[in-house]
Amino acid sequence: MPVPPLHHLRFKQLELLCGVAEGNSFRMLAEKMSLTQPAISKMAREMEAAIQAPLFVRNREGVTLTPMGRSLVQQARMILTQLERMSSNVEQYRGGKEHVLRLGSPSYTAVALLAAPIAQLVATHSAARVEMVDAVADTLFAQLKNGELDFVVGSLPVRPMSDEDAALLHTEILYPDQLSFITQSSRKPLPGLMTLKDLQEYSWVLPARDSLVRHALRSAMRDAGLPIPRAAIEVGSIPTIGALVGQQPRLLGVVRADAAHYFSRGAGISMINIHPRIALPPVAIVRLKDNEPTDLTRALFELIRAQSRTLLSHAAKK
């Protein structure tokens, strides 16, 4: 049986492809890879022969990728990342340690949803090691698709999932998310239901302008025919929003549901019930379809699902 052409590819050739995608010339890559420039050029020709299609456009200004070359970059990066991860895992197992879990999550999803499950996991699996990355959804999903993370727990991106992502990613919805409003608890009870118009008298504490929460708030205000609220205080830190709201009864904080429920567990902060509900993308566990979870990962997933049910039960009582 003939060997498929792609089986002739070498890891150095994948590094070459990714290097050109990052704007490096053959000369620059020769220096980085400790090779001669003729060796780099030969490697590129051999790669094109294996693919049976042109991948590199060579001209006086340097080298770029053809459409075929660009289409292969993400897969090449994933292969190289997985090779690096495999090497790390081998060292872990040789040292008597379990597989390292690398997960991504926005900060307050990590606090409200993941803290208890991860603490429980490492308490019951003494050799377990977990690395957590805190970033916005778009950054986390890019890292997941590049193979840098085992899975992501958090809100799905606002934009619809592409056909390519749908074929690549496995998504398990944990619970719906929504825009939530918090204020300092006071002796005067809050009305059972309020509208966005009822909130105009407050001074608003808002997250960054480019945040998912701020975008959803602007859209909801426009739909309701109301002016976009001016931020009396604008901060990038979700914990700071909670701390500020707890200081002054006239301040109103706008956060995601998991952060609001977390704040309302302590003394001094209450959630305001708003009608109609302002939906955000749901919170989910997302992983690569071809990255089968390990036993340790499955154990953590079960703990996360249990914590999700606890959060939903707590929210139902509010």
C-alpha atoms as a PDB file:
ATOM      1  CA  MET A   1       0.000   0.000   0.000  1.00  0.00           C
ATOM      2  CA  PRO A   2       1.516   3.384  -0.966  1.00  0.00           C
ATOM      3  CA  VAL A   3       2.365   5.798   1.844  1.00  0.00           C
ATOM      4  CA  PRO A   4       0.088   8.915   1.795  1.00  0.00           C
ATOM      5  CA  PRO A   5       2.117  12.033   0.805  1.00  0.00           C
ATOM      6  CA  LEU A   6       1.369  13.816   4.110  1.00  0.00           C
ATOM      7  CA  HIS A   7       3.224  11.069   5.990  1.00  0.00           C
ATOM      8  CA  HIS A   8       6.462  12.457   4.521  1.00  0.00           C
ATOM      9  CA  LEU A   9       6.024  15.771   6.384  1.00  0.00           C
ATOM     10  CA  ARG A  10       8.469  16.560   9.174  1.00  0.00           C
ATOM     11  CA  PHE A  11       7.908  18.677  12.280  1.00  0.00           C
ATOM     12  CA  LYS A  12      10.556  21.173  11.097  1.00  0.00           C
ATOM     13  CA  GLN A  13       8.458  21.754   7.988  1.00  0.00           C
ATOM     14  CA  LEU A  14       5.431  22.559  10.134  1.00  0.00           C
ATOM     15  CA  GLU A  15       7.584  25.024  12.083  1.00  0.00           C
ATOM     16  CA  LEU A  16       8.609  26.559   8.762  1.00  0.00           C
ATOM     17  CA  LEU A  17       4.980  26.969   7.672  1.00  0.00           C
ATOM     18  CA  CYS A  18       4.001  28.592  10.983  1.00  0.00           C
ATOM     19  CA  GLY A  19       7.081  30.822  10.905  1.00  0.00           C
ATOM     20  CA  VAL A  20       6.187  32.218   7.477  1.00  0.00           C
ATOM     21  CA  ALA A  21       2.593  32.767   8.673  1.00  0.00           C
ATOM     22  CA  GLU A  22       4.031  34.918  11.479  1.00  0.00           C
ATOM     23  CA  GLY A  23       5.825  37.150   8.971  1.00  0.00           C
ATOM     24  CA  ASN A  24       9.319  35.652   9.040  1.00  0.00           C
ATOM     25  CA  SER A  25      11.472  35.435   5.921  1.00  0.00           C
ATOM     26  CA  PHE A  26      13.406  32.286   4.999  1.00  0.00           C
ATOM     27  CA  ARG A  27      16.576  34.065   6.137  1.00  0.00           C
ATOM     28  CA  MET A  28      15.105  34.875   9.544  1.00  0.00           C
ATOM     29  CA  LEU A  29      13.805  31.314   9.938  1.00  0.00           C
ATOM     30  CA  ALA A  30      17.211  29.898   8.975  1.00  0.00           C
ATOM     31  CA  GLU A  31      18.723  31.828  11.895  1.00  0.00           C
ATOM     32  CA  LYS A  32      15.961  30.814  14.330  1.00  0.00           C
ATOM     33  CA  MET A  33      16.094  27.137  13.356  1.00  0.00           C
ATOM     34  CA  SER A  34      19.923  27.017  13.177  1.00  0.00           C
ATOM     35  CA  LEU A  35      19.877  25.999   9.507  1.00  0.00           C
ATOM     36  CA  THR A  36      21.280  27.462   6.308  1.00  0.00           C
ATOM     37  CA  GLN A  37      18.992  29.396   3.974  1.00  0.00           C
ATOM     38  CA  PRO A  38      19.456  26.791   1.184  1.00  0.00           C
ATOM     39  CA  ALA A  39      18.376  24.106   3.662  1.00  0.00           C
ATOM     40  CA  ILE A  40      15.228  26.107   4.464  1.00  0.00           C
ATOM     41  CA  SER A  41      14.453  26.542   0.766  1.00  0.00           C
ATOM     42  CA  LYS A  42      14.924  22.806   0.178  1.00  0.00           C
ATOM     43  CA  MET A  43      12.656  22.024   3.138  1.00  0.00           C
ATOM     44  CA  ALA A  44       9.960  24.280   1.655  1.00  0.00           C
ATOM     45  CA  ARG A  45      10.196  22.585  -1.757  1.00  0.00           C
ATOM     46  CA  GLU A  46       9.992  19.126  -0.187  1.00  0.00           C
ATOM     47  CA  MET A  47       6.923  20.196   1.782  1.00  0.00           C
ATOM     48  CA  GLU A  48       5.215  21.434  -1.354  1.00  0.00           C
ATOM     49  CA  ALA A  49       6.068  18.147  -3.062  1.00  0.00           C
ATOM     50  CA  ALA A  50       4.511  16.200  -0.184  1.00  0.00           C
ATOM     51  CA  ILE A  51       1.370  18.361  -0.219  1.00  0.00           C
ATOM     52  CA  GLN A  52       1.388  18.333  -4.021  1.00  0.00           C
ATOM     53  CA  ALA A  53       0.471  22.026  -4.111  1.00  0.00           C
ATOM     54  CA  PRO A  54       2.296  25.387  -3.867  1.00  0.00           C
ATOM     55  CA  LEU A  55       2.414  26.685  -0.294  1.00  0.00           C
ATOM     56  CA  PHE A  56       4.885  29.586  -0.471  1.00  0.00           C
ATOM     57  CA  VAL A  57       4.935  32.710  -2.640  1.00  0.00           C
ATOM     58  CA  ARG A  58       8.549  33.848  -3.120  1.00  0.00           C
ATOM     59  CA  ASN A  59       9.312  37.380  -4.316  1.00  0.00           C
ATOM     60  CA  ARG A  60      11.813  40.191  -3.817  1.00  0.00           C
ATOM     61  CA  GLU A  61      10.035  41.397  -0.667  1.00  0.00           C
ATOM     62  CA  GLY A  62      10.302  37.975   1.005  1.00  0.00           C
ATOM     63  CA  VAL A  63       7.947  35.046   1.279  1.00  0.00           C
ATOM     64  CA  THR A  64       4.236  34.680   2.053  1.00  0.00           C
ATOM     65  CA  LEU A  65       1.764  31.810   2.041  1.00  0.00           C
ATOM     66  CA  THR A  66      -0.611  30.769  -0.714  1.00  0.00           C
ATOM     67  CA  PRO A  67      -4.287  30.207   0.177  1.00  0.00           C
ATOM     68  CA  MET A  68      -3.467  26.492   0.540  1.00  0.00           C
ATOM     69  CA  GLY A  69      -0.586  27.327   2.871  1.00  0.00           C
ATOM     70  CA  ARG A  70      -2.762  29.600   5.020  1.00  0.00           C
ATOM     71  CA  SER A  71      -5.411  26.879   5.288  1.00  0.00           C
ATOM     72  CA  LEU A  72      -2.881  24.521   6.906  1.00  0.00           C
ATOM     73  CA  VAL A  73      -1.437  26.886   9.514  1.00  0.00           C
ATOM     74  CA  GLN A  74      -3.924  26.202  12.315  1.00  0.00           C
ATOM     75  CA  GLN A  75      -3.564  22.432  12.004  1.00  0.00           C
ATOM     76  CA  ALA A  76       0.229  22.782  11.932  1.00  0.00           C
ATOM     77  CA  ARG A  77       0.171  24.872  15.110  1.00  0.00           C
ATOM     78  CA  MET A  78      -2.061  22.325  16.817  1.00  0.00           C
ATOM     79  CA  ILE A  79       0.278  19.469  15.901  1.00  0.00           C
ATOM     80  CA  LEU A  80       3.321  21.331  17.217  1.00  0.00           C
ATOM     81  CA  THR A  81       1.514  22.331  20.414  1.00  0.00           C
ATOM     82  CA  GLN A  82       0.295  18.783  20.991  1.00  0.00           C
ATOM     83  CA  LEU A  83       3.830  17.468  20.477  1.00  0.00           C
ATOM     84  CA  GLU A  84       5.081  19.892  23.119  1.00  0.00           C
ATOM     85  CA  ARG A  85       2.240  18.856  25.433  1.00  0.00           C
ATOM     86  CA  MET A  86       3.035  15.189  24.833  1.00  0.00           C
ATOM     87  CA  SER A  87       6.644  15.785  25.822  1.00  0.00           C
ATOM     88  CA  SER A  88       5.510  17.564  28.986  1.00  0.00           C
ATOM     89  CA  ASN A  89       3.074  14.757  29.846  1.00  0.00           C
ATOM     90  CA  VAL A  90       5.764  12.109  29.376  1.00  0.00           C
ATOM     91  CA  GLU A  91       7.951  13.964  31.864  1.00  0.00           C
ATOM     92  CA  GLN A  92       5.027  14.195  34.277  1.00  0.00           C
ATOM     93  CA  TYR A  93       4.323  10.467  34.099  1.00  0.00           C
ATOM     94  CA  ARG A  94       8.012   9.616  34.461  1.00  0.00           C
ATOM     95  CA  GLY A  95       8.025  11.694  37.614  1.00  0.00           C
ATOM     96  CA  GLY A  96       5.047   9.767  39.000  1.00  0.00           C
ATOM     97  CA  LYS A  97       2.616  12.620  38.424  1.00  0.00           C
ATOM     98  CA  GLU A  98      -0.741  12.579  36.687  1.00  0.00           C
ATOM     99  CA  HIS A  99      -1.597  14.422  33.489  1.00  0.00           C
ATOM    100  CA  VAL A 100      -1.592  18.214  33.901  1.00  0.00           C
ATOM    101  CA  LEU A 101      -4.990  19.778  33.186  1.00  0.00           C
ATOM    102  CA  ARG A 102      -4.818  23.101  31.374  1.00  0.00           C
ATOM    103  CA  LEU A 103      -8.122  24.947  31.327  1.00  0.00           C
ATOM    104  CA  GLY A 104      -9.281  28.435  30.463  1.00  0.00           C
ATOM    105  CA  SER A 105     -12.044  30.484  32.039  1.00  0.00           C
ATOM    106  CA  PRO A 106     -13.028  34.137  32.597  1.00  0.00           C
ATOM    107  CA  SER A 107     -12.139  35.237  36.126  1.00  0.00           C
ATOM    108  CA  TYR A 108     -15.534  35.218  37.810  1.00  0.00           C
ATOM    109  CA  THR A 109     -16.647  31.987  36.197  1.00  0.00           C
ATOM    110  CA  ALA A 110     -13.495  30.564  37.736  1.00  0.00           C
ATOM    111  CA  VAL A 111     -14.428  32.022  41.141  1.00  0.00           C
ATOM    112  CA  ALA A 112     -18.142  31.162  41.171  1.00  0.00           C
ATOM    113  CA  LEU A 113     -18.148  27.884  39.256  1.00  0.00           C
ATOM    114  CA  LEU A 114     -14.693  26.322  39.157  1.00  0.00           C
ATOM    115  CA  ALA A 115     -13.069  27.084  42.510  1.00  0.00           C
ATOM    116  CA  ALA A 116     -14.949  24.433  44.503  1.00  0.00           C
ATOM    117  CA  PRO A 117     -14.672  21.613  41.902  1.00  0.00           C
ATOM    118  CA  ILE A 118     -10.949  22.176  41.327  1.00  0.00           C
ATOM    119  CA  ALA A 119     -10.224  22.355  45.061  1.00  0.00           C
ATOM    120  CA  GLN A 120     -12.144  19.102  45.537  1.00  0.00           C
ATOM    121  CA  LEU A 121     -10.301  17.436  42.653  1.00  0.00           C
ATOM    122  CA  VAL A 122      -6.818  18.180  43.970  1.00  0.00           C
ATOM    123  CA  ALA A 123      -7.922  17.150  47.478  1.00  0.00           C
ATOM    124  CA  THR A 124      -8.940  13.691  46.233  1.00  0.00           C
ATOM    125  CA  HIS A 125      -6.181  13.279  43.594  1.00  0.00           C
ATOM    126  CA  SER A 126      -2.951  14.163  45.357  1.00  0.00           C
ATOM    127  CA  ALA A 127      -0.812  13.987  42.207  1.00  0.00           C
ATOM    128  CA  ALA A 128      -3.157  16.124  40.116  1.00  0.00           C
ATOM    129  CA  ARG A 129      -1.966  19.454  38.767  1.00  0.00           C
ATOM    130  CA  VAL A 130      -4.223  22.118  37.257  1.00  0.00           C
ATOM    131  CA  GLU A 131      -3.157  25.185  35.293  1.00  0.00           C
ATOM    132  CA  MET A 132      -5.807  27.881  34.801  1.00  0.00           C
ATOM    133  CA  VAL A 133      -5.771  30.672  32.214  1.00  0.00           C
ATOM    134  CA  ASP A 134      -7.920  33.783  32.778  1.00  0.00           C
ATOM    135  CA  ALA A 135      -8.921  35.599  29.575  1.00  0.00           C
ATOM    136  CA  VAL A 136     -11.896  36.733  27.503  1.00  0.00           C
ATOM    137  CA  ALA A 137     -13.837  34.199  25.432  1.00  0.00           C
ATOM    138  CA  ASP A 138     -12.272  34.974  22.042  1.00  0.00           C
ATOM    139  CA  THR A 139      -8.732  34.596  23.432  1.00  0.00           C
ATOM    140  CA  LEU A 140      -9.565  31.357  25.245  1.00  0.00           C
ATOM    141  CA  PHE A 141     -11.212  29.779  22.203  1.00  0.00           C
ATOM    142  CA  ALA A 142      -8.226  30.686  20.020  1.00  0.00           C
ATOM    143  CA  GLN A 143      -5.912  28.989  22.529  1.00  0.00           C
ATOM    144  CA  LEU A 144      -8.206  25.951  22.677  1.00  0.00           C
ATOM    145  CA  LYS A 145      -8.236  25.565  18.890  1.00  0.00           C
ATOM    146  CA  ASN A 146      -4.439  25.854  18.832  1.00  0.00           C
ATOM    147  CA  GLY A 147      -4.196  22.987  21.324  1.00  0.00           C
ATOM    148  CA  GLU A 148      -2.824  25.144  24.164  1.00  0.00           C
ATOM    149  CA  LEU A 149      -5.749  24.285  26.489  1.00  0.00           C
ATOM    150  CA  ASP A 150      -7.523  21.004  27.283  1.00  0.00           C
ATOM    151  CA  PHE A 151     -10.887  22.733  27.589  1.00  0.00           C
ATOM    152  CA  VAL A 152     -12.618  26.042  28.265  1.00  0.00           C
ATOM    153  CA  VAL A 153     -15.394  26.741  30.784  1.00  0.00           C
ATOM    154  CA  GLY A 154     -17.220  30.013  30.270  1.00  0.00           C
ATOM    155  CA  SER A 155     -19.573  31.994  28.075  1.00  0.00           C
ATOM    156  CA  LEU A 156     -19.670  31.078  24.417  1.00  0.00           C
ATOM    157  CA  PRO A 157     -18.533  33.847  22.037  1.00  0.00           C
ATOM    158  CA  VAL A 158     -21.212  36.314  20.939  1.00  0.00           C
ATOM    159  CA  ARG A 159     -20.776  35.618  17.242  1.00  0.00           C
ATOM    160  CA  PRO A 160     -22.383  32.439  15.834  1.00  0.00           C
ATOM    161  CA  MET A 161     -20.102  29.411  15.661  1.00  0.00           C
ATOM    162  CA  SER A 162     -18.670  28.810  12.191  1.00  0.00           C
ATOM    163  CA  ASP A 163     -19.023  25.481  10.381  1.00  0.00           C
ATOM    164  CA  GLU A 164     -15.297  24.917  10.933  1.00  0.00           C
ATOM    165  CA  ASP A 165     -15.597  25.505  14.686  1.00  0.00           C
ATOM    166  CA  ALA A 166     -18.705  23.315  14.917  1.00  0.00           C
ATOM    167  CA  ALA A 167     -16.773  20.459  13.284  1.00  0.00           C
ATOM    168  CA  LEU A 168     -13.793  21.038  15.574  1.00  0.00           C
ATOM    169  CA  LEU A 169     -15.378  21.715  18.979  1.00  0.00           C
ATOM    170  CA  HIS A 170     -17.529  19.687  21.384  1.00  0.00           C
ATOM    171  CA  THR A 171     -19.839  21.950  23.416  1.00  0.00           C
ATOM    172  CA  GLU A 172     -21.756  21.022  26.579  1.00  0.00           C
ATOM    173  CA  ILE A 173     -24.101  23.767  27.810  1.00  0.00           C
ATOM    174  CA  LEU A 174     -24.076  24.101  31.612  1.00  0.00           C
ATOM    175  CA  TYR A 175     -26.567  26.910  32.208  1.00  0.00           C
ATOM    176  CA  PRO A 176     -28.015  30.040  30.570  1.00  0.00           C
ATOM    177  CA  ASP A 177     -26.403  33.346  31.382  1.00  0.00           C
ATOM    178  CA  GLN A 178     -27.893  36.819  31.668  1.00  0.00           C
ATOM    179  CA  LEU A 179     -27.108  40.411  32.463  1.00  0.00           C
ATOM    180  CA  SER A 180     -27.413  40.946  36.227  1.00  0.00           C
ATOM    181  CA  PHE A 181     -27.707  44.080  38.334  1.00  0.00           C
ATOM    182  CA  ILE A 182     -26.420  44.409  41.900  1.00  0.00           C
ATOM    183  CA  THR A 183     -26.779  47.094  44.534  1.00  0.00           C
ATOM    184  CA  GLN A 184     -26.062  47.562  48.206  1.00  0.00           C
ATOM    185  CA  SER A 185     -28.559  45.872  50.506  1.00  0.00           C
ATOM    186  CA  SER A 186     -30.605  48.352  52.506  1.00  0.00           C
ATOM    187  CA  ARG A 187     -33.490  48.291  54.956  1.00  0.00           C
ATOM    188  CA  LYS A 188     -35.832  49.419  52.207  1.00  0.00           C
ATOM    189  CA  PRO A 189     -36.856  46.264  50.314  1.00  0.00           C
ATOM    190  CA  LEU A 190     -36.432  46.282  46.552  1.00  0.00           C
ATOM    191  CA  PRO A 191     -39.511  45.874  44.336  1.00  0.00           C
ATOM    192  CA  GLY A 192     -40.204  42.366  43.089  1.00  0.00           C
ATOM    193  CA  LEU A 193     -39.620  43.302  39.460  1.00  0.00           C
ATOM    194  CA  MET A 194     -38.034  46.403  37.957  1.00  0.00           C
ATOM    195  CA  THR A 195     -37.480  47.602  34.394  1.00  0.00           C
ATOM    196  CA  LEU A 196     -34.442  49.240  32.870  1.00  0.00           C
ATOM    197  CA  LYS A 197     -36.288  52.552  33.082  1.00  0.00           C
ATOM    198  CA  ASP A 198     -36.599  52.111  36.865  1.00  0.00           C
ATOM    199  CA  LEU A 199     -32.796  51.977  37.126  1.00  0.00           C
ATOM    200  CA  GLN A 200     -32.164  55.430  35.667  1.00  0.00           C
ATOM    201  CA  GLU A 201     -31.931  57.025  39.127  1.00  0.00           C
ATOM    202  CA  TYR A 202     -28.861  54.973  40.076  1.00  0.00           C
ATOM    203  CA  SER A 203     -25.217  55.855  39.482  1.00  0.00           C
ATOM    204  CA  TRP A 204     -23.808  53.096  37.286  1.00  0.00           C
ATOM    205  CA  VAL A 205     -20.641  51.081  37.926  1.00  0.00           C
ATOM    206  CA  LEU A 206     -19.780  49.474  34.580  1.00  0.00           C
ATOM    207  CA  PRO A 207     -17.111  47.137  33.199  1.00  0.00           C
ATOM    208  CA  ALA A 208     -14.882  48.030  30.254  1.00  0.00           C
ATOM    209  CA  ARG A 209     -16.482  49.443  27.099  1.00  0.00           C
ATOM    210  CA  ASP A 210     -15.446  46.463  24.958  1.00  0.00           C
ATOM    211  CA  SER A 211     -16.757  43.838  27.419  1.00  0.00           C
ATOM    212  CA  LEU A 212     -19.578  41.411  26.644  1.00  0.00           C
ATOM    213  CA  VAL A 213     -21.656  42.849  29.503  1.00  0.00           C
ATOM    214  CA  ARG A 214     -21.294  46.448  28.291  1.00  0.00           C
ATOM    215  CA  HIS A 215     -22.221  45.432  24.737  1.00  0.00           C
ATOM    216  CA  ALA A 216     -25.363  43.603  25.943  1.00  0.00           C
ATOM    217  CA  LEU A 217     -26.372  46.556  28.113  1.00  0.00           C
ATOM    218  CA  ARG A 218     -26.073  49.019  25.208  1.00  0.00           C
ATOM    219  CA  SER A 219     -28.188  46.766  22.982  1.00  0.00           C
ATOM    220  CA  ALA A 220     -30.872  46.335  25.668  1.00  0.00           C
ATOM    221  CA  MET A 221     -31.054  50.087  26.295  1.00  0.00           C
ATOM    222  CA  ARG A 222     -31.425  50.835  22.592  1.00  0.00           C
ATOM    223  CA  ASP A 223     -34.149  48.189  22.253  1.00  0.00           C
ATOM    224  CA  ALA A 224     -35.998  49.773  25.184  1.00  0.00           C
ATOM    225  CA  GLY A 225     -35.687  53.268  23.692  1.00  0.00           C
ATOM    226  CA  LEU A 226     -33.624  54.460  26.656  1.00  0.00           C
ATOM    227  CA  PRO A 227     -30.412  56.508  26.722  1.00  0.00           C
ATOM    228  CA  ILE A 228     -27.164  54.584  27.088  1.00  0.00           C
ATOM    229  CA  PRO A 229     -26.189  54.878  30.772  1.00  0.00           C
ATOM    230  CA  ARG A 230     -23.160  56.970  31.576  1.00  0.00           C
ATOM    231  CA  ALA A 231     -20.626  55.199  33.759  1.00  0.00           C
ATOM    232  CA  ALA A 232     -20.182  57.035  37.025  1.00  0.00           C
ATOM    233  CA  ILE A 233     -17.356  54.555  37.597  1.00  0.00           C
ATOM    234  CA  GLU A 234     -15.763  52.374  34.925  1.00  0.00           C
ATOM    235  CA  VAL A 235     -13.461  49.534  35.989  1.00  0.00           C
ATOM    236  CA  GLY A 236     -11.906  46.505  34.328  1.00  0.00           C
ATOM    237  CA  SER A 237     -11.977  44.347  37.440  1.00  0.00           C
ATOM    238  CA  ILE A 238     -15.186  42.462  38.282  1.00  0.00           C
ATOM    239  CA  PRO A 239     -14.274  42.119  42.011  1.00  0.00           C
ATOM    240  CA  THR A 240     -13.837  45.901  42.130  1.00  0.00           C
ATOM    241  CA  ILE A 241     -17.400  46.390  40.852  1.00  0.00           C
ATOM    242  CA  GLY A 242     -18.707  44.332  43.778  1.00  0.00           C
ATOM    243  CA  ALA A 243     -16.510  46.176  46.273  1.00  0.00           C
ATOM    244  CA  LEU A 244     -17.643  49.589  45.028  1.00  0.00           C
ATOM    245  CA  VAL A 245     -21.352  48.720  45.015  1.00  0.00           C
ATOM    246  CA  GLY A 246     -21.068  47.516  48.598  1.00  0.00           C
ATOM    247  CA  GLN A 247     -19.917  50.980  49.682  1.00  0.00           C
ATOM    248  CA  GLN A 248     -22.832  53.130  48.558  1.00  0.00           C
ATOM    249  CA  PRO A 249     -26.581  52.383  48.160  1.00  0.00           C
ATOM    250  CA  ARG A 250     -26.917  54.713  45.140  1.00  0.00           C
ATOM    251  CA  LEU A 251     -24.438  52.699  43.075  1.00  0.00           C
ATOM    252  CA  LEU A 252     -25.622  50.038  40.628  1.00  0.00           C
ATOM    253  CA  GLY A 253     -23.267  47.368  39.303  1.00  0.00           C
ATOM    254  CA  VAL A 254     -23.764  45.441  36.057  1.00  0.00           C
ATOM    255  CA  VAL A 255     -22.138  42.003  35.820  1.00  0.00           C
ATOM    256  CA  ARG A 256     -22.736  38.488  34.533  1.00  0.00           C
ATOM    257  CA  ALA A 257     -25.010  36.141  36.477  1.00  0.00           C
ATOM    258  CA  ASP A 258     -22.276  33.992  38.040  1.00  0.00           C
ATOM    259  CA  ALA A 259     -20.549  37.091  39.477  1.00  0.00           C
ATOM    260  CA  ALA A 260     -23.878  38.515  40.733  1.00  0.00           C
ATOM    261  CA  HIS A 261     -24.787  35.290  42.535  1.00  0.00           C
ATOM    262  CA  TYR A 262     -21.330  35.127  44.062  1.00  0.00           C
ATOM    263  CA  PHE A 263     -21.556  38.710  45.355  1.00  0.00           C
ATOM    264  CA  SER A 264     -25.070  38.193  46.723  1.00  0.00           C
ATOM    265  CA  ARG A 265     -23.956  35.258  48.883  1.00  0.00           C
ATOM    266  CA  GLY A 266     -22.127  37.649  51.163  1.00  0.00           C
ATOM    267  CA  ALA A 267     -23.586  40.368  53.327  1.00  0.00           C
ATOM    268  CA  GLY A 268     -24.303  43.790  51.929  1.00  0.00           C
ATOM    269  CA  ILE A 269     -25.164  43.155  48.255  1.00  0.00           C
ATOM    270  CA  SER A 270     -28.505  42.260  46.658  1.00  0.00           C
ATOM    271  CA  MET A 271     -29.540  41.368  43.115  1.00  0.00           C
ATOM    272  CA  ILE A 272     -32.240  43.403  41.376  1.00  0.00           C
ATOM    273  CA  ASN A 273     -34.846  41.415  39.478  1.00  0.00           C
ATOM    274  CA  ILE A 274     -35.176  42.934  36.011  1.00  0.00           C
ATOM    275  CA  HIS A 275     -37.907  42.344  33.456  1.00  0.00           C
ATOM    276  CA  PRO A 276     -37.506  41.460  30.688  1.00  0.00           C
ATOM    277  CA  ARG A 277     -34.492  39.209  31.129  1.00  0.00           C
ATOM    278  CA  ILE A 278     -31.409  40.260  29.119  1.00  0.00           C
ATOM    279  CA  ALA A 279     -29.795  37.083  27.848  1.00  0.00           C
ATOM    280  CA  LEU A 280     -26.066  36.527  27.402  1.00  0.00           C
ATOM    281  CA  PRO A 281     -24.417  33.572  25.629  1.00  0.00           C
ATOM    282  CA  PRO A 282     -24.722  30.431  27.818  1.00  0.00           C
ATOM    283  CA  VAL A 283     -21.924  29.058  29.972  1.00  0.00           C
ATOM    284  CA  ALA A 284     -20.506  25.825  28.613  1.00  0.00           C
ATOM    285  CA  ILE A 285     -17.685  23.296  28.732  1.00  0.00           C
ATOM    286  CA  VAL A 286     -15.942  23.325  25.361  1.00  0.00           C
ATOM    287  CA  ARG A 287     -13.176  20.976  24.187  1.00  0.00           C
ATOM    288  CA  LEU A 288     -11.734  19.708  20.933  1.00  0.00           C
ATOM    289  CA  LYS A 289     -13.723  16.762  19.595  1.00  0.00           C
ATOM    290  CA  ASP A 290     -10.591  14.731  18.899  1.00  0.00           C
ATOM    291  CA  ASN A 291      -9.143  15.383  22.371  1.00  0.00           C
ATOM    292  CA  GLU A 292     -10.740  12.554  24.348  1.00  0.00           C
ATOM    293  CA  PRO A 293     -10.957  13.487  28.070  1.00  0.00           C
ATOM    294  CA  THR A 294      -8.749  11.603  30.503  1.00  0.00           C
ATOM    295  CA  ASP A 295     -10.193   9.971  33.620  1.00  0.00           C
ATOM    296  CA  LEU A 296      -8.992  12.975  35.623  1.00  0.00           C
ATOM    297  CA  THR A 297     -10.717  15.373  33.224  1.00  0.00           C
ATOM    298  CA  ARG A 298     -13.959  13.365  33.367  1.00  0.00           C
ATOM    299  CA  ALA A 299     -13.846  13.508  37.166  1.00  0.00           C
ATOM    300  CA  LEU A 300     -13.480  17.291  37.044  1.00  0.00           C
ATOM    301  CA  PHE A 301     -16.333  17.591  34.529  1.00  0.00           C
ATOM    302  CA  GLU A 302     -18.639  15.744  36.936  1.00  0.00           C
ATOM    303  CA  LEU A 303     -17.670  18.089  39.774  1.00  0.00           C
ATOM    304  CA  ILE A 304     -18.278  21.125  37.523  1.00  0.00           C
ATOM    305  CA  ARG A 305     -21.728  19.814  36.531  1.00  0.00           C
ATOM    306  CA  ALA A 306     -22.611  19.336  40.206  1.00  0.00           C
ATOM    307  CA  GLN A 307     -21.476  22.876  41.022  1.00  0.00           C
ATOM    308  CA  SER A 308     -23.563  24.166  38.087  1.00  0.00           C
ATOM    309  CA  ARG A 309     -26.653  22.533  39.570  1.00  0.00           C
ATOM    310  CA  THR A 310     -25.848  24.194  42.910  1.00  0.00           C
ATOM    311  CA  LEU A 311     -25.583  27.597  41.227  1.00  0.00           C
ATOM    312  CA  LEU A 312     -28.895  27.093  39.408  1.00  0.00           C
ATOM    313  CA  SER A 313     -30.581  26.043  42.640  1.00  0.00           C
ATOM    314  CA  HIS A 314     -29.192  29.107  44.419  1.00  0.00           C
ATOM    315  CA  ALA A 315     -30.395  31.346  41.579  1.00  0.00           C
ATOM    316  CA  ALA A 316     -33.908  29.835  41.703  1.00  0.00           C
ATOM    317  CA  LYS A 317     -34.227  30.841  45.366  1.00  0.00           C
ATOM    318  CA  LYS A 318     -33.424  34.491  44.645  1.00  0.00           C
END
